[in-house]
Amino acid sequence: MPTVFKQEVVTGVGTAPVDILQIGEGVRATVVGCNLSNTSDYDMVIANLYVVDENSTQANYARQIPVPPGSSAKVITNGERLILPATAGLRLSTDTEDSIDVTVSYVEIS
C-alpha cells in the first residue's frame, strides 16, 4: 500500500462552510495535524470543524473553537489521529467573514 504525505492549505474561511479536505475515491487518509490561524488583528474568531463521512453526513468534530486575534489553534495535534475513508472530508466555518487560514497535514493511503 503506497502512502503519500500531503498538505491542504485553505485561506479566507468565513461564515459559509468550506470543505477544507476531501479524500478521493479509492484511497483513505489519516489526518495528523490541523492548524487554524486567525488572520484578524482585532477580532476573536469562533470556529467549528466538521467531519463529513462517505455518505455526506456531517458531524461536529470540534465546536466553538476560540482563536484569538493574530493567533492560532491546533485542532489535531500531539499524536492524535483522525482516520477518514474514501470520499470523506473535513469542513470548517467561523462566525466572522474571511477570518481563518487553515493547514491540514495528512497521509493518503491507496
PDB file of N, CA and C in Angstrom:
ATOM      1  N   MET A   1       0.828  -1.181   0.000  1.00  0.00           N
ATOM      2  CA  MET A   1       0.000   0.000   0.000  1.00  0.00           C
ATOM      3  C   MET A   1       0.874   1.248   0.000  1.00  0.00           C
ATOM      4  N   PRO A   2       0.845   2.002  -1.089  1.00  0.00           N
ATOM      5  CA  PRO A   2       1.611   3.246  -1.108  1.00  0.00           C
ATOM      6  C   PRO A   2       1.009   4.306  -0.184  1.00  0.00           C
ATOM      7  N   THR A   3       1.888   5.028   0.493  1.00  0.00           N
ATOM      8  CA  THR A   3       1.451   6.142   1.339  1.00  0.00           C
ATOM      9  C   THR A   3       2.120   7.412   0.847  1.00  0.00           C
ATOM     10  N   VAL A   4       1.361   8.502   0.855  1.00  0.00           N
ATOM     11  CA  VAL A   4       1.860   9.785   0.391  1.00  0.00           C
ATOM     12  C   VAL A   4       1.521  10.830   1.439  1.00  0.00           C
ATOM     13  N   PHE A   5       2.532  11.579   1.885  1.00  0.00           N
ATOM     14  CA  PHE A   5       2.305  12.669   2.828  1.00  0.00           C
ATOM     15  C   PHE A   5       1.829  13.881   2.044  1.00  0.00           C
ATOM     16  N   LYS A   6       0.732  14.489   2.516  1.00  0.00           N
ATOM     17  CA  LYS A   6       0.140  15.616   1.798  1.00  0.00           C
ATOM     18  C   LYS A   6      -0.235  16.735   2.760  1.00  0.00           C
ATOM     19  N   GLN A   7      -0.539  17.879   2.160  1.00  0.00           N
ATOM     20  CA  GLN A   7      -0.955  19.044   2.940  1.00  0.00           C
ATOM     21  C   GLN A   7      -1.989  19.825   2.133  1.00  0.00           C
ATOM     22  N   GLU A   8      -3.018  20.302   2.795  1.00  0.00           N
ATOM     23  CA  GLU A   8      -4.003  21.194   2.186  1.00  0.00           C
ATOM     24  C   GLU A   8      -3.922  22.535   2.894  1.00  0.00           C
ATOM     25  N   VAL A   9      -3.939  23.604   2.138  1.00  0.00           N
ATOM     26  CA  VAL A   9      -3.936  24.959   2.685  1.00  0.00           C
ATOM     27  C   VAL A   9      -5.141  25.684   2.096  1.00  0.00           C
ATOM     28  N   VAL A  10      -5.993  26.218   2.973  1.00  0.00           N
ATOM     29  CA  VAL A  10      -7.174  26.965   2.542  1.00  0.00           C
ATOM     30  C   VAL A  10      -7.153  28.298   3.278  1.00  0.00           C
ATOM     31  N   THR A  11      -7.324  29.388   2.534  1.00  0.00           N
ATOM     32  CA  THR A  11      -7.274  30.713   3.141  1.00  0.00           C
ATOM     33  C   THR A  11      -8.645  31.390   3.091  1.00  0.00           C
ATOM     34  N   GLY A  12      -8.847  32.311   4.010  1.00  0.00           N
ATOM     35  CA  GLY A  12     -10.035  33.151   3.985  1.00  0.00           C
ATOM     36  C   GLY A  12     -11.341  32.466   4.319  1.00  0.00           C
ATOM     37  N   VAL A  13     -11.315  31.446   5.171  1.00  0.00           N
ATOM     38  CA  VAL A  13     -12.556  30.761   5.558  1.00  0.00           C
ATOM     39  C   VAL A  13     -13.381  31.717   6.422  1.00  0.00           C
ATOM     40  N   GLY A  14     -14.682  31.737   6.171  1.00  0.00           N
ATOM     41  CA  GLY A  14     -15.571  32.628   6.911  1.00  0.00           C
ATOM     42  C   GLY A  14     -16.839  31.930   7.351  1.00  0.00           C
ATOM     43  N   THR A  15     -17.958  32.625   7.253  1.00  0.00           N
ATOM     44  CA  THR A  15     -19.221  32.110   7.790  1.00  0.00           C
ATOM     45  C   THR A  15     -19.840  31.026   6.921  1.00  0.00           C
ATOM     46  N   ALA A  16     -19.536  31.000   5.643  1.00  0.00           N
ATOM     47  CA  ALA A  16     -20.036  29.925   4.777  1.00  0.00           C
ATOM     48  C   ALA A  16     -19.153  28.690   4.967  1.00  0.00           C
ATOM     49  N   PRO A  17     -19.735  27.526   5.234  1.00  0.00           N
ATOM     50  CA  PRO A  17     -18.932  26.311   5.410  1.00  0.00           C
ATOM     51  C   PRO A  17     -18.092  26.015   4.168  1.00  0.00           C
ATOM     52  N   VAL A  18     -16.822  25.650   4.403  1.00  0.00           N
ATOM     53  CA  VAL A  18     -15.883  25.356   3.319  1.00  0.00           C
ATOM     54  C   VAL A  18     -15.320  23.960   3.527  1.00  0.00           C
ATOM     55  N   ASP A  19     -15.335  23.148   2.464  1.00  0.00           N
ATOM     56  CA  ASP A  19     -14.689  21.840   2.527  1.00  0.00           C
ATOM     57  C   ASP A  19     -13.187  22.063   2.439  1.00  0.00           C
ATOM     58  N   ILE A  20     -12.489  21.817   3.543  1.00  0.00           N
ATOM     59  CA  ILE A  20     -11.053  22.080   3.585  1.00  0.00           C
ATOM     60  C   ILE A  20     -10.232  20.850   3.217  1.00  0.00           C
ATOM     61  N   LEU A  21     -10.859  19.679   3.240  1.00  0.00           N
ATOM     62  CA  LEU A  21     -10.178  18.450   2.843  1.00  0.00           C
ATOM     63  C   LEU A  21     -11.214  17.484   2.308  1.00  0.00           C
ATOM     64  N   GLN A  22     -10.957  16.935   1.131  1.00  0.00           N
ATOM     65  CA  GLN A  22     -11.842  15.935   0.540  1.00  0.00           C
ATOM     66  C   GLN A  22     -10.978  14.768   0.091  1.00  0.00           C
ATOM     67  N   ILE A  23     -11.248  13.590   0.635  1.00  0.00           N
ATOM     68  CA  ILE A  23     -10.479  12.390   0.293  1.00  0.00           C
ATOM     69  C   ILE A  23     -11.055  11.800  -0.994  1.00  0.00           C
ATOM     70  N   GLY A  24     -10.170  11.446  -1.897  1.00  0.00           N
ATOM     71  CA  GLY A  24     -10.595  10.923  -3.195  1.00  0.00           C
ATOM     72  C   GLY A  24     -11.124   9.504  -3.128  1.00  0.00           C
ATOM     73  N   GLU A  25     -11.730   9.097  -4.211  1.00  0.00           N
ATOM     74  CA  GLU A  25     -12.260   7.747  -4.368  1.00  0.00           C
ATOM     75  C   GLU A  25     -11.096   6.753  -4.405  1.00  0.00           C
ATOM     76  N   GLY A  26     -11.241   5.631  -3.726  1.00  0.00           N
ATOM     77  CA  GLY A  26     -10.237   4.577  -3.767  1.00  0.00           C
ATOM     78  C   GLY A  26      -9.047   4.752  -2.836  1.00  0.00           C
ATOM     79  N   VAL A  27      -9.053   5.795  -2.019  1.00  0.00           N
ATOM     80  CA  VAL A  27      -7.974   5.990  -1.050  1.00  0.00           C
ATOM     81  C   VAL A  27      -8.590   6.290   0.311  1.00  0.00           C
ATOM     82  N   ARG A  28      -7.782   6.220   1.325  1.00  0.00           N
ATOM     83  CA  ARG A  28      -8.197   6.664   2.661  1.00  0.00           C
ATOM     84  C   ARG A  28      -7.058   7.510   3.210  1.00  0.00           C
ATOM     85  N   ALA A  29      -7.328   8.212   4.300  1.00  0.00           N
ATOM     86  CA  ALA A  29      -6.315   9.135   4.807  1.00  0.00           C
ATOM     87  C   ALA A  29      -6.318   9.154   6.324  1.00  0.00           C
ATOM     88  N   THR A  30      -5.166   9.496   6.869  1.00  0.00           N
ATOM     89  CA  THR A  30      -5.015   9.737   8.297  1.00  0.00           C
ATOM     90  C   THR A  30      -4.568  11.185   8.459  1.00  0.00           C
ATOM     91  N   VAL A  31      -5.416  11.981   9.103  1.00  0.00           N
ATOM     92  CA  VAL A  31      -5.079  13.383   9.358  1.00  0.00           C
ATOM     93  C   VAL A  31      -4.189  13.414  10.595  1.00  0.00           C
ATOM     94  N   VAL A  32      -3.023  14.048  10.480  1.00  0.00           N
ATOM     95  CA  VAL A  32      -2.059  14.092  11.578  1.00  0.00           C
ATOM     96  C   VAL A  32      -1.880  15.491  12.151  1.00  0.00           C
ATOM     97  N   GLY A  33      -2.478  16.497  11.497  1.00  0.00           N
ATOM     98  CA  GLY A  33      -2.376  17.855  12.012  1.00  0.00           C
ATOM     99  C   GLY A  33      -3.399  18.765  11.371  1.00  0.00           C
ATOM    100  N   CYS A  34      -3.936  19.699  12.173  1.00  0.00           N
ATOM    101  CA  CYS A  34      -4.868  20.700  11.658  1.00  0.00           C
ATOM    102  C   CYS A  34      -4.665  21.975  12.464  1.00  0.00           C
ATOM    103  N   ASN A  35      -4.261  23.043  11.781  1.00  0.00           N
ATOM    104  CA  ASN A  35      -3.979  24.308  12.434  1.00  0.00           C
ATOM    105  C   ASN A  35      -4.882  25.398  11.862  1.00  0.00           C
ATOM    106  N   LEU A  36      -5.545  26.144  12.754  1.00  0.00           N
ATOM    107  CA  LEU A  36      -6.400  27.260  12.364  1.00  0.00           C
ATOM    108  C   LEU A  36      -5.699  28.553  12.763  1.00  0.00           C
ATOM    109  N   SER A  37      -5.548  29.480  11.832  1.00  0.00           N
ATOM    110  CA  SER A  37      -4.860  30.737  12.099  1.00  0.00           C
ATOM    111  C   SER A  37      -5.819  31.901  11.876  1.00  0.00           C
ATOM    112  N   ASN A  38      -6.013  32.717  12.915  1.00  0.00           N
ATOM    113  CA  ASN A  38      -6.870  33.893  12.839  1.00  0.00           C
ATOM    114  C   ASN A  38      -6.098  35.009  12.140  1.00  0.00           C
ATOM    115  N   THR A  39      -6.601  35.445  10.997  1.00  0.00           N
ATOM    116  CA  THR A  39      -5.911  36.474  10.225  1.00  0.00           C
ATOM    117  C   THR A  39      -6.327  37.883  10.639  1.00  0.00           C
ATOM    118  N   SER A  40      -7.242  37.982  11.582  1.00  0.00           N
ATOM    119  CA  SER A  40      -7.702  39.285  12.070  1.00  0.00           C
ATOM    120  C   SER A  40      -6.746  39.821  13.137  1.00  0.00           C
ATOM    121  N   ASP A  41      -6.577  41.122  13.160  1.00  0.00           N
ATOM    122  CA  ASP A  41      -5.746  41.735  14.192  1.00  0.00           C
ATOM    123  C   ASP A  41      -6.537  42.107  15.433  1.00  0.00           C
ATOM    124  N   TYR A  42      -7.885  42.113  15.331  1.00  0.00           N
ATOM    125  CA  TYR A  42      -8.682  42.640  16.442  1.00  0.00           C
ATOM    126  C   TYR A  42      -9.816  41.741  16.922  1.00  0.00           C
ATOM    127  N   ASP A  43     -10.288  40.795  16.107  1.00  0.00           N
ATOM    128  CA  ASP A  43     -11.489  40.022  16.443  1.00  0.00           C
ATOM    129  C   ASP A  43     -11.172  38.607  16.889  1.00  0.00           C
ATOM    130  N   MET A  44     -11.789  38.189  18.003  1.00  0.00           N
ATOM    131  CA  MET A  44     -11.777  36.781  18.402  1.00  0.00           C
ATOM    132  C   MET A  44     -12.675  36.050  17.405  1.00  0.00           C
ATOM    133  N   VAL A  45     -12.203  34.951  16.855  1.00  0.00           N
ATOM    134  CA  VAL A  45     -12.983  34.173  15.896  1.00  0.00           C
ATOM    135  C   VAL A  45     -13.353  32.840  16.548  1.00  0.00           C
ATOM    136  N   ILE A  46     -14.598  32.445  16.370  1.00  0.00           N
ATOM    137  CA  ILE A  46     -15.076  31.156  16.849  1.00  0.00           C
ATOM    138  C   ILE A  46     -15.248  30.257  15.631  1.00  0.00           C
ATOM    139  N   ALA A  47     -14.575  29.096  15.643  1.00  0.00           N
ATOM    140  CA  ALA A  47     -14.590  28.185  14.501  1.00  0.00           C
ATOM    141  C   ALA A  47     -15.262  26.864  14.872  1.00  0.00           C
ATOM    142  N   ASN A  48     -15.840  26.233  13.861  1.00  0.00           N
ATOM    143  CA  ASN A  48     -16.447  24.907  14.012  1.00  0.00           C
ATOM    144  C   ASN A  48     -15.875  23.995  12.936  1.00  0.00           C
ATOM    145  N   LEU A  49     -15.339  22.848  13.356  1.00  0.00           N
ATOM    146  CA  LEU A  49     -14.771  21.876  12.432  1.00  0.00           C
ATOM    147  C   LEU A  49     -15.682  20.653  12.395  1.00  0.00           C
ATOM    148  N   TYR A  50     -16.036  20.235  11.186  1.00  0.00           N
ATOM    149  CA  TYR A  50     -16.947  19.104  10.993  1.00  0.00           C
ATOM    150  C   TYR A  50     -16.247  17.996  10.226  1.00  0.00           C
ATOM    151  N   VAL A  51     -16.654  16.758  10.506  1.00  0.00           N
ATOM    152  CA  VAL A  51     -16.265  15.610   9.700  1.00  0.00           C
ATOM    153  C   VAL A  51     -17.459  15.279   8.820  1.00  0.00           C
ATOM    154  N   VAL A  52     -17.195  15.076   7.537  1.00  0.00           N
ATOM    155  CA  VAL A  52     -18.229  14.667   6.594  1.00  0.00           C
ATOM    156  C   VAL A  52     -17.866  13.258   6.156  1.00  0.00           C
ATOM    157  N   ASP A  53     -18.750  12.284   6.449  1.00  0.00           N
ATOM    158  CA  ASP A  53     -18.397  10.900   6.140  1.00  0.00           C
ATOM    159  C   ASP A  53     -18.694  10.563   4.679  1.00  0.00           C
ATOM    160  N   GLU A  54     -18.407   9.328   4.316  1.00  0.00           N
ATOM    161  CA  GLU A  54     -18.563   8.888   2.928  1.00  0.00           C
ATOM    162  C   GLU A  54     -20.013   8.930   2.448  1.00  0.00           C
ATOM    163  N   ASN A  55     -20.978   9.082   3.355  1.00  0.00           N
ATOM    164  CA  ASN A  55     -22.398   9.190   2.997  1.00  0.00           C
ATOM    165  C   ASN A  55     -22.884  10.641   3.033  1.00  0.00           C
ATOM    166  N   SER A  56     -21.969  11.586   3.135  1.00  0.00           N
ATOM    167  CA  SER A  56     -22.258  13.028   3.207  1.00  0.00           C
ATOM    168  C   SER A  56     -22.949  13.444   4.500  1.00  0.00           C
ATOM    169  N   THR A  57     -22.847  12.634   5.546  1.00  0.00           N
ATOM    170  CA  THR A  57     -23.368  13.003   6.862  1.00  0.00           C
ATOM    171  C   THR A  57     -22.340  13.882   7.557  1.00  0.00           C
ATOM    172  N   GLN A  58     -22.787  15.043   8.017  1.00  0.00           N
ATOM    173  CA  GLN A  58     -21.897  15.987   8.696  1.00  0.00           C
ATOM    174  C   GLN A  58     -22.064  15.867  10.201  1.00  0.00           C
ATOM    175  N   ALA A  59     -20.940  15.781  10.908  1.00  0.00           N
ATOM    176  CA  ALA A  59     -20.958  15.713  12.373  1.00  0.00           C
ATOM    177  C   ALA A  59     -19.909  16.659  12.934  1.00  0.00           C
ATOM    178  N   ASN A  60     -20.152  17.167  14.121  1.00  0.00           N
ATOM    179  CA  ASN A  60     -19.184  18.045  14.784  1.00  0.00           C
ATOM    180  C   ASN A  60     -17.944  17.256  15.169  1.00  0.00           C
ATOM    181  N   TYR A  61     -16.780  17.792  14.848  1.00  0.00           N
ATOM    182  CA  TYR A  61     -15.523  17.231  15.344  1.00  0.00           C
ATOM    183  C   TYR A  61     -15.006  18.086  16.493  1.00  0.00           C
ATOM    184  N   ALA A  62     -15.018  19.408  16.290  1.00  0.00           N
ATOM    185  CA  ALA A  62     -14.627  20.350  17.342  1.00  0.00           C
ATOM    186  C   ALA A  62     -15.528  21.574  17.196  1.00  0.00           C
ATOM    187  N   ARG A  63     -16.197  21.955  18.285  1.00  0.00           N
ATOM    188  CA  ARG A  63     -17.158  23.059  18.252  1.00  0.00           C
ATOM    189  C   ARG A  63     -16.671  24.248  19.049  1.00  0.00           C
ATOM    190  N   GLN A  64     -17.049  25.409  18.551  1.00  0.00           N
ATOM    191  CA  GLN A  64     -16.819  26.652  19.277  1.00  0.00           C
ATOM    192  C   GLN A  64     -15.353  26.826  19.687  1.00  0.00           C
ATOM    193  N   ILE A  65     -14.452  26.623  18.734  1.00  0.00           N
ATOM    194  CA  ILE A  65     -13.017  26.758  18.983  1.00  0.00           C
ATOM    195  C   ILE A  65     -12.666  28.247  18.985  1.00  0.00           C
ATOM    196  N   PRO A  66     -12.238  28.796  20.118  1.00  0.00           N
ATOM    197  CA  PRO A  66     -11.870  30.209  20.132  1.00  0.00           C
ATOM    198  C   PRO A  66     -10.445  30.393  19.592  1.00  0.00           C
ATOM    199  N   VAL A  67     -10.308  31.302  18.638  1.00  0.00           N
ATOM    200  CA  VAL A  67      -8.993  31.608  18.077  1.00  0.00           C
ATOM    201  C   VAL A  67      -8.768  33.113  18.272  1.00  0.00           C
ATOM    202  N   PRO A  68      -7.888  33.476  19.206  1.00  0.00           N
ATOM    203  CA  PRO A  68      -7.638  34.900  19.487  1.00  0.00           C
ATOM    204  C   PRO A  68      -7.067  35.629  18.275  1.00  0.00           C
ATOM    205  N   PRO A  69      -7.244  36.953  18.231  1.00  0.00           N
ATOM    206  CA  PRO A  69      -6.722  37.725  17.105  1.00  0.00           C
ATOM    207  C   PRO A  69      -5.213  37.542  16.931  1.00  0.00           C
ATOM    208  N   GLY A  70      -4.804  37.362  15.679  1.00  0.00           N
ATOM    209  CA  GLY A  70      -3.388  37.214  15.382  1.00  0.00           C
ATOM    210  C   GLY A  70      -2.761  35.960  15.955  1.00  0.00           C
ATOM    211  N   SER A  71      -3.582  34.950  16.268  1.00  0.00           N
ATOM    212  CA  SER A  71      -3.094  33.740  16.915  1.00  0.00           C
ATOM    213  C   SER A  71      -3.570  32.515  16.140  1.00  0.00           C
ATOM    214  N   SER A  72      -3.259  31.335  16.670  1.00  0.00           N
ATOM    215  CA  SER A  72      -3.705  30.101  16.014  1.00  0.00           C
ATOM    216  C   SER A  72      -4.125  29.066  17.054  1.00  0.00           C
ATOM    217  N   ALA A  73      -4.821  28.051  16.558  1.00  0.00           N
ATOM    218  CA  ALA A  73      -5.261  26.940  17.406  1.00  0.00           C
ATOM    219  C   ALA A  73      -4.982  25.637  16.678  1.00  0.00           C
ATOM    220  N   LYS A  74      -4.363  24.717  17.372  1.00  0.00           N
ATOM    221  CA  LYS A  74      -4.108  23.395  16.816  1.00  0.00           C
ATOM    222  C   LYS A  74      -5.268  22.494  17.228  1.00  0.00           C
ATOM    223  N   VAL A  75      -5.969  21.971  16.219  1.00  0.00           N
ATOM    224  CA  VAL A  75      -7.152  21.157  16.488  1.00  0.00           C
ATOM    225  C   VAL A  75      -6.790  19.679  16.557  1.00  0.00           C
ATOM    226  N   ILE A  76      -5.893  19.241  15.701  1.00  0.00           N
ATOM    227  CA  ILE A  76      -5.422  17.846  15.711  1.00  0.00           C
ATOM    228  C   ILE A  76      -3.915  17.915  15.900  1.00  0.00           C
ATOM    229  N   THR A  77      -3.421  17.396  17.044  1.00  0.00           N
ATOM    230  CA  THR A  77      -2.012  17.539  17.376  1.00  0.00           C
ATOM    231  C   THR A  77      -1.615  16.509  18.434  1.00  0.00           C
ATOM    232  N   ASN A  78      -0.381  16.543  18.851  1.00  0.00           N
ATOM    233  CA  ASN A  78       0.138  15.702  19.949  1.00  0.00           C
ATOM    234  C   ASN A  78      -0.156  14.221  19.788  1.00  0.00           C
ATOM    235  N   GLY A  79       0.030  13.707  18.598  1.00  0.00           N
ATOM    236  CA  GLY A  79      -0.143  12.278  18.371  1.00  0.00           C
ATOM    237  C   GLY A  79      -1.569  11.857  18.075  1.00  0.00           C
ATOM    238  N   GLU A  80      -2.514  12.773  18.156  1.00  0.00           N
ATOM    239  CA  GLU A  80      -3.896  12.455  17.812  1.00  0.00           C
ATOM    240  C   GLU A  80      -3.977  12.161  16.317  1.00  0.00           C
ATOM    241  N   ARG A  81      -4.834  11.231  15.929  1.00  0.00           N
ATOM    242  CA  ARG A  81      -5.028  10.886  14.522  1.00  0.00           C
ATOM    243  C   ARG A  81      -6.520  10.848  14.223  1.00  0.00           C
ATOM    244  N   LEU A  82      -6.889  11.258  13.019  1.00  0.00           N
ATOM    245  CA  LEU A  82      -8.263  11.180  12.545  1.00  0.00           C
ATOM    246  C   LEU A  82      -8.248  10.379  11.256  1.00  0.00           C
ATOM    247  N   ILE A  83      -8.925   9.243  11.259  1.00  0.00           N
ATOM    248  CA  ILE A  83      -8.971   8.359  10.097  1.00  0.00           C
ATOM    249  C   ILE A  83     -10.171   8.736   9.239  1.00  0.00           C
ATOM    250  N   LEU A  84      -9.933   8.962   7.938  1.00  0.00           N
ATOM    251  CA  LEU A  84     -11.008   9.306   7.014  1.00  0.00           C
ATOM    252  C   LEU A  84     -11.039   8.290   5.869  1.00  0.00           C
ATOM    253  N   PRO A  85     -12.201   7.665   5.627  1.00  0.00           N
ATOM    254  CA  PRO A  85     -12.313   6.740   4.497  1.00  0.00           C
ATOM    255  C   PRO A  85     -12.444   7.491   3.181  1.00  0.00           C
ATOM    256  N   ALA A  86     -12.464   6.748   2.086  1.00  0.00           N
ATOM    257  CA  ALA A  86     -12.628   7.350   0.762  1.00  0.00           C
ATOM    258  C   ALA A  86     -13.880   8.207   0.722  1.00  0.00           C
ATOM    259  N   THR A  87     -13.801   9.320   0.051  1.00  0.00           N
ATOM    260  CA  THR A  87     -14.862  10.310  -0.182  1.00  0.00           C
ATOM    261  C   THR A  87     -15.323  11.044   1.078  1.00  0.00           C
ATOM    262  N   ALA A  88     -14.667  10.853   2.205  1.00  0.00           N
ATOM    263  CA  ALA A  88     -14.975  11.619   3.418  1.00  0.00           C
ATOM    264  C   ALA A  88     -14.149  12.901   3.393  1.00  0.00           C
ATOM    265  N   GLY A  89     -14.361  13.776   4.395  1.00  0.00           N
ATOM    266  CA  GLY A  89     -13.583  15.001   4.411  1.00  0.00           C
ATOM    267  C   GLY A  89     -13.802  15.831   5.660  1.00  0.00           C
ATOM    268  N   LEU A  90     -13.216  17.020   5.645  1.00  0.00           N
ATOM    269  CA  LEU A  90     -13.346  17.978   6.740  1.00  0.00           C
ATOM    270  C   LEU A  90     -13.953  19.265   6.199  1.00  0.00           C
ATOM    271  N   ARG A  91     -14.797  19.896   7.014  1.00  0.00           N
ATOM    272  CA  ARG A  91     -15.473  21.153   6.661  1.00  0.00           C
ATOM    273  C   ARG A  91     -15.285  22.122   7.813  1.00  0.00           C
ATOM    274  N   LEU A  92     -15.123  23.405   7.493  1.00  0.00           N
ATOM    275  CA  LEU A  92     -14.878  24.417   8.513  1.00  0.00           C
ATOM    276  C   LEU A  92     -15.764  25.625   8.263  1.00  0.00           C
ATOM    277  N   SER A  93     -16.259  26.221   9.355  1.00  0.00           N
ATOM    278  CA  SER A  93     -16.961  27.505   9.273  1.00  0.00           C
ATOM    279  C   SER A  93     -16.598  28.315  10.507  1.00  0.00           C
ATOM    280  N   THR A  94     -16.789  29.640  10.415  1.00  0.00           N
ATOM    281  CA  THR A  94     -16.479  30.525  11.531  1.00  0.00           C
ATOM    282  C   THR A  94     -17.625  31.517  11.722  1.00  0.00           C
ATOM    283  N   ASP A  95     -17.506  32.336  12.735  1.00  0.00           N
ATOM    284  CA  ASP A  95     -18.523  33.362  12.982  1.00  0.00           C
ATOM    285  C   ASP A  95     -18.142  34.710  12.383  1.00  0.00           C
ATOM    286  N   THR A  96     -17.026  34.772  11.648  1.00  0.00           N
ATOM    287  CA  THR A  96     -16.518  36.032  11.102  1.00  0.00           C
ATOM    288  C   THR A  96     -16.092  35.823   9.654  1.00  0.00           C
ATOM    289  N   GLU A  97     -16.489  36.732   8.780  1.00  0.00           N
ATOM    290  CA  GLU A  97     -16.119  36.637   7.363  1.00  0.00           C
ATOM    291  C   GLU A  97     -14.607  36.680   7.171  1.00  0.00           C
ATOM    292  N   ASP A  98     -14.114  35.871   6.231  1.00  0.00           N
ATOM    293  CA  ASP A  98     -12.723  35.909   5.768  1.00  0.00           C
ATOM    294  C   ASP A  98     -11.733  36.027   6.931  1.00  0.00           C
ATOM    295  N   SER A  99     -11.783  35.063   7.858  1.00  0.00           N
ATOM    296  CA  SER A  99     -11.061  35.227   9.122  1.00  0.00           C
ATOM    297  C   SER A  99     -10.046  34.145   9.471  1.00  0.00           C
ATOM    298  N   ILE A 100     -10.124  32.980   8.840  1.00  0.00           N
ATOM    299  CA  ILE A 100      -9.268  31.858   9.234  1.00  0.00           C
ATOM    300  C   ILE A 100      -8.541  31.292   8.024  1.00  0.00           C
ATOM    301  N   ASP A 101      -7.225  31.090   8.179  1.00  0.00           N
ATOM    302  CA  ASP A 101      -6.452  30.276   7.240  1.00  0.00           C
ATOM    303  C   ASP A 101      -6.221  28.937   7.929  1.00  0.00           C
ATOM    304  N   VAL A 102      -6.337  27.862   7.179  1.00  0.00           N
ATOM    305  CA  VAL A 102      -6.217  26.527   7.768  1.00  0.00           C
ATOM    306  C   VAL A 102      -5.199  25.703   6.996  1.00  0.00           C
ATOM    307  N   THR A 103      -4.423  24.915   7.751  1.00  0.00           N
ATOM    308  CA  THR A 103      -3.474  23.970   7.165  1.00  0.00           C
ATOM    309  C   THR A 103      -3.775  22.591   7.732  1.00  0.00           C
ATOM    310  N   VAL A 104      -3.968  21.627   6.834  1.00  0.00           N
ATOM    311  CA  VAL A 104      -4.236  20.242   7.237  1.00  0.00           C
ATOM    312  C   VAL A 104      -3.110  19.371   6.694  1.00  0.00           C
ATOM    313  N   SER A 105      -2.473  18.604   7.573  1.00  0.00           N
ATOM    314  CA  SER A 105      -1.440  17.648   7.179  1.00  0.00           C
ATOM    315  C   SER A 105      -2.032  16.248   7.298  1.00  0.00           C
ATOM    316  N   TYR A 106      -1.801  15.423   6.273  1.00  0.00           N
ATOM    317  CA  TYR A 106      -2.385  14.079   6.303  1.00  0.00           C
ATOM    318  C   TYR A 106      -1.550  13.111   5.488  1.00  0.00           C
ATOM    319  N   VAL A 107      -1.808  11.834   5.723  1.00  0.00           N
ATOM    320  CA  VAL A 107      -1.162  10.765   4.989  1.00  0.00           C
ATOM    321  C   VAL A 107      -2.235  10.063   4.179  1.00  0.00           C
ATOM    322  N   GLU A 108      -2.045  10.012   2.878  1.00  0.00           N
ATOM    323  CA  GLU A 108      -3.006   9.348   1.991  1.00  0.00           C
ATOM    324  C   GLU A 108      -2.521   7.924   1.714  1.00  0.00           C
ATOM    325  N   ILE A 109      -3.425   6.974   1.872  1.00  0.00           N
ATOM    326  CA  ILE A 109      -3.094   5.563   1.703  1.00  0.00           C
ATOM    327  C   ILE A 109      -3.953   5.007   0.591  1.00  0.00           C
ATOM    328  N   SER A 110      -3.310   4.446  -0.441  1.00  0.00           N
ATOM    329  CA  SER A 110      -4.083   3.893  -1.558  1.00  0.00           C
ATOM    330  C   SER A 110      -3.806   2.420  -1.735  1.00  0.00           C
TER     331      SER A 110
END
